[in-house]
Each structure stands twice: as structure tokens, then as C-alpha cells.
Amino acid sequence: MHDVGVSAEILQSLRVPDGGMKIVVEAISRARIRRLVSGTDLDEARIDLIAEDIPASGDELTALLRT
């Protein structure tokens, strides 16, 4: 497991015929794991959100908006 990832919101989930799931998520923010939480069947963690320095204008902002 990586120390840094993204916090995301589940927008849609769909069970497919083979028994699997298709899930659509939207990233909210980069996040760093503060500590893992045990005692459940799922991987859970307490996280700290990582603030991003987003330029107000210019070529870098244009490039970020295209991704």
C-alpha cells in the first residue's frame, strides 16, 4: 500500500453479471495515510488531505485543466 493517494467520492456502482462490480469515482484531493484502521473486512485509513498549489493563470493552469 502506498503512503500517498487520493480521497475519492463514489459516484456510481453497478454489479455486473459475473459477480464483480464496476465503480465510477471522482477524485477529491490528494491524501496521505496517517494510520491504518484494523478490525474490518475492508482496508480503511485515517488520512490527511494534501493541499495543492494551483496556479491562478498561465500555461501551467491551462495544461492542468486539459488533464
C-alpha atoms as a PDB file:
ATOM      1  CA  MET A   1       0.000   0.000   0.000  1.00  0.00           C
ATOM      2  CA  HIS A   2       1.288   3.477  -0.865  1.00  0.00           C
ATOM      3  CA  ASP A   3       1.541   6.296   1.686  1.00  0.00           C
ATOM      4  CA  VAL A   4       0.037   8.895  -0.703  1.00  0.00           C
ATOM      5  CA  GLY A   5      -3.050   8.503  -2.879  1.00  0.00           C
ATOM      6  CA  VAL A   6      -6.369  10.224  -3.476  1.00  0.00           C
ATOM      7  CA  SER A   7      -9.523  10.705  -1.490  1.00  0.00           C
ATOM      8  CA  ALA A   8     -12.465   9.991  -3.785  1.00  0.00           C
ATOM      9  CA  GLU A   9     -16.253  10.034  -3.854  1.00  0.00           C
ATOM     10  CA  ILE A  10     -18.150   7.045  -5.248  1.00  0.00           C
ATOM     11  CA  LEU A  11     -20.483   8.391  -7.933  1.00  0.00           C
ATOM     12  CA  GLN A  12     -21.972   5.124  -9.166  1.00  0.00           C
ATOM     13  CA  SER A  13     -21.649   1.399  -8.518  1.00  0.00           C
ATOM     14  CA  LEU A  14     -23.042  -1.425 -10.623  1.00  0.00           C
ATOM     15  CA  ARG A  15     -22.944  -5.181 -10.075  1.00  0.00           C
ATOM     16  CA  VAL A  16     -22.043  -6.985 -13.322  1.00  0.00           C
ATOM     17  CA  PRO A  17     -23.281 -10.460 -14.370  1.00  0.00           C
ATOM     18  CA  ASP A  18     -20.001 -12.215 -13.494  1.00  0.00           C
ATOM     19  CA  GLY A  19     -20.450 -11.155  -9.852  1.00  0.00           C
ATOM     20  CA  GLY A  20     -17.949  -8.281  -9.979  1.00  0.00           C
ATOM     21  CA  MET A  21     -18.559  -4.583  -9.555  1.00  0.00           C
ATOM     22  CA  LYS A  22     -17.990  -1.564 -11.756  1.00  0.00           C
ATOM     23  CA  ILE A  23     -17.484   1.609  -9.765  1.00  0.00           C
ATOM     24  CA  VAL A  24     -17.236   5.207 -11.005  1.00  0.00           C
ATOM     25  CA  VAL A  25     -15.320   7.515  -8.667  1.00  0.00           C
ATOM     26  CA  GLU A  26     -14.300  11.178  -8.687  1.00  0.00           C
ATOM     27  CA  ALA A  27     -11.040  12.232  -7.047  1.00  0.00           C
ATOM     28  CA  ILE A  28     -11.455  14.951  -4.418  1.00  0.00           C
ATOM     29  CA  SER A  29      -7.927  15.584  -3.150  1.00  0.00           C
ATOM     30  CA  ARG A  30      -4.525  14.005  -2.738  1.00  0.00           C
ATOM     31  CA  ALA A  31      -4.181  12.408   0.692  1.00  0.00           C
ATOM     32  CA  ARG A  32      -1.525  10.868   2.942  1.00  0.00           C
ATOM     33  CA  ILE A  33      -2.274   7.907   5.208  1.00  0.00           C
ATOM     34  CA  ARG A  34      -1.995   8.917   8.869  1.00  0.00           C
ATOM     35  CA  ARG A  35      -2.804   5.436  10.215  1.00  0.00           C
ATOM     36  CA  LEU A  36      -4.451   2.212   9.069  1.00  0.00           C
ATOM     37  CA  VAL A  37      -7.636   1.062  10.808  1.00  0.00           C
ATOM     38  CA  SER A  38      -7.937  -2.648  11.549  1.00  0.00           C
ATOM     39  CA  GLY A  39     -10.863  -4.764  12.639  1.00  0.00           C
ATOM     40  CA  THR A  40     -12.916  -4.710   9.441  1.00  0.00           C
ATOM     41  CA  ASP A  41     -13.036  -6.724   6.219  1.00  0.00           C
ATOM     42  CA  LEU A  42     -12.146  -3.569   4.259  1.00  0.00           C
ATOM     43  CA  ASP A  43      -8.949  -1.559   4.049  1.00  0.00           C
ATOM     44  CA  GLU A  44      -9.595   1.691   5.918  1.00  0.00           C
ATOM     45  CA  ALA A  45      -7.311   4.538   6.892  1.00  0.00           C
ATOM     46  CA  ARG A  46      -7.314   7.856   8.683  1.00  0.00           C
ATOM     47  CA  ILE A  47      -5.935  10.421   6.241  1.00  0.00           C
ATOM     48  CA  ASP A  48      -4.611  13.958   5.997  1.00  0.00           C
ATOM     49  CA  LEU A  49      -5.573  15.871   2.858  1.00  0.00           C
ATOM     50  CA  ILE A  50      -2.669  17.375   0.919  1.00  0.00           C
ATOM     51  CA  ALA A  51      -3.152  20.970  -0.217  1.00  0.00           C
ATOM     52  CA  GLU A  52      -2.264  21.607  -3.859  1.00  0.00           C
ATOM     53  CA  ASP A  53      -0.655  24.786  -5.099  1.00  0.00           C
ATOM     54  CA  ILE A  54      -2.713  25.513  -8.220  1.00  0.00           C
ATOM     55  CA  PRO A  55      -1.604  28.466 -10.341  1.00  0.00           C
ATOM     56  CA  ALA A  56      -4.198  31.215 -10.783  1.00  0.00           C
ATOM     57  CA  SER A  57      -3.457  31.584 -14.507  1.00  0.00           C
ATOM     58  CA  GLY A  58      -0.940  30.916 -17.221  1.00  0.00           C
ATOM     59  CA  ASP A  59       0.328  27.990 -19.233  1.00  0.00           C
ATOM     60  CA  GLU A  60       0.582  25.665 -16.241  1.00  0.00           C
ATOM     61  CA  LEU A  61      -3.096  26.196 -15.352  1.00  0.00           C
ATOM     62  CA  THR A  62      -4.124  25.603 -18.979  1.00  0.00           C
ATOM     63  CA  ALA A  63      -2.166  22.336 -19.002  1.00  0.00           C
ATOM     64  CA  LEU A  64      -3.735  21.205 -15.714  1.00  0.00           C
ATOM     65  CA  LEU A  65      -7.250  21.911 -16.974  1.00  0.00           C
ATOM     66  CA  ARG A  66      -6.647  19.710 -20.044  1.00  0.00           C
ATOM     67  CA  THR A  67      -5.822  16.624 -17.960  1.00  0.00           C
END
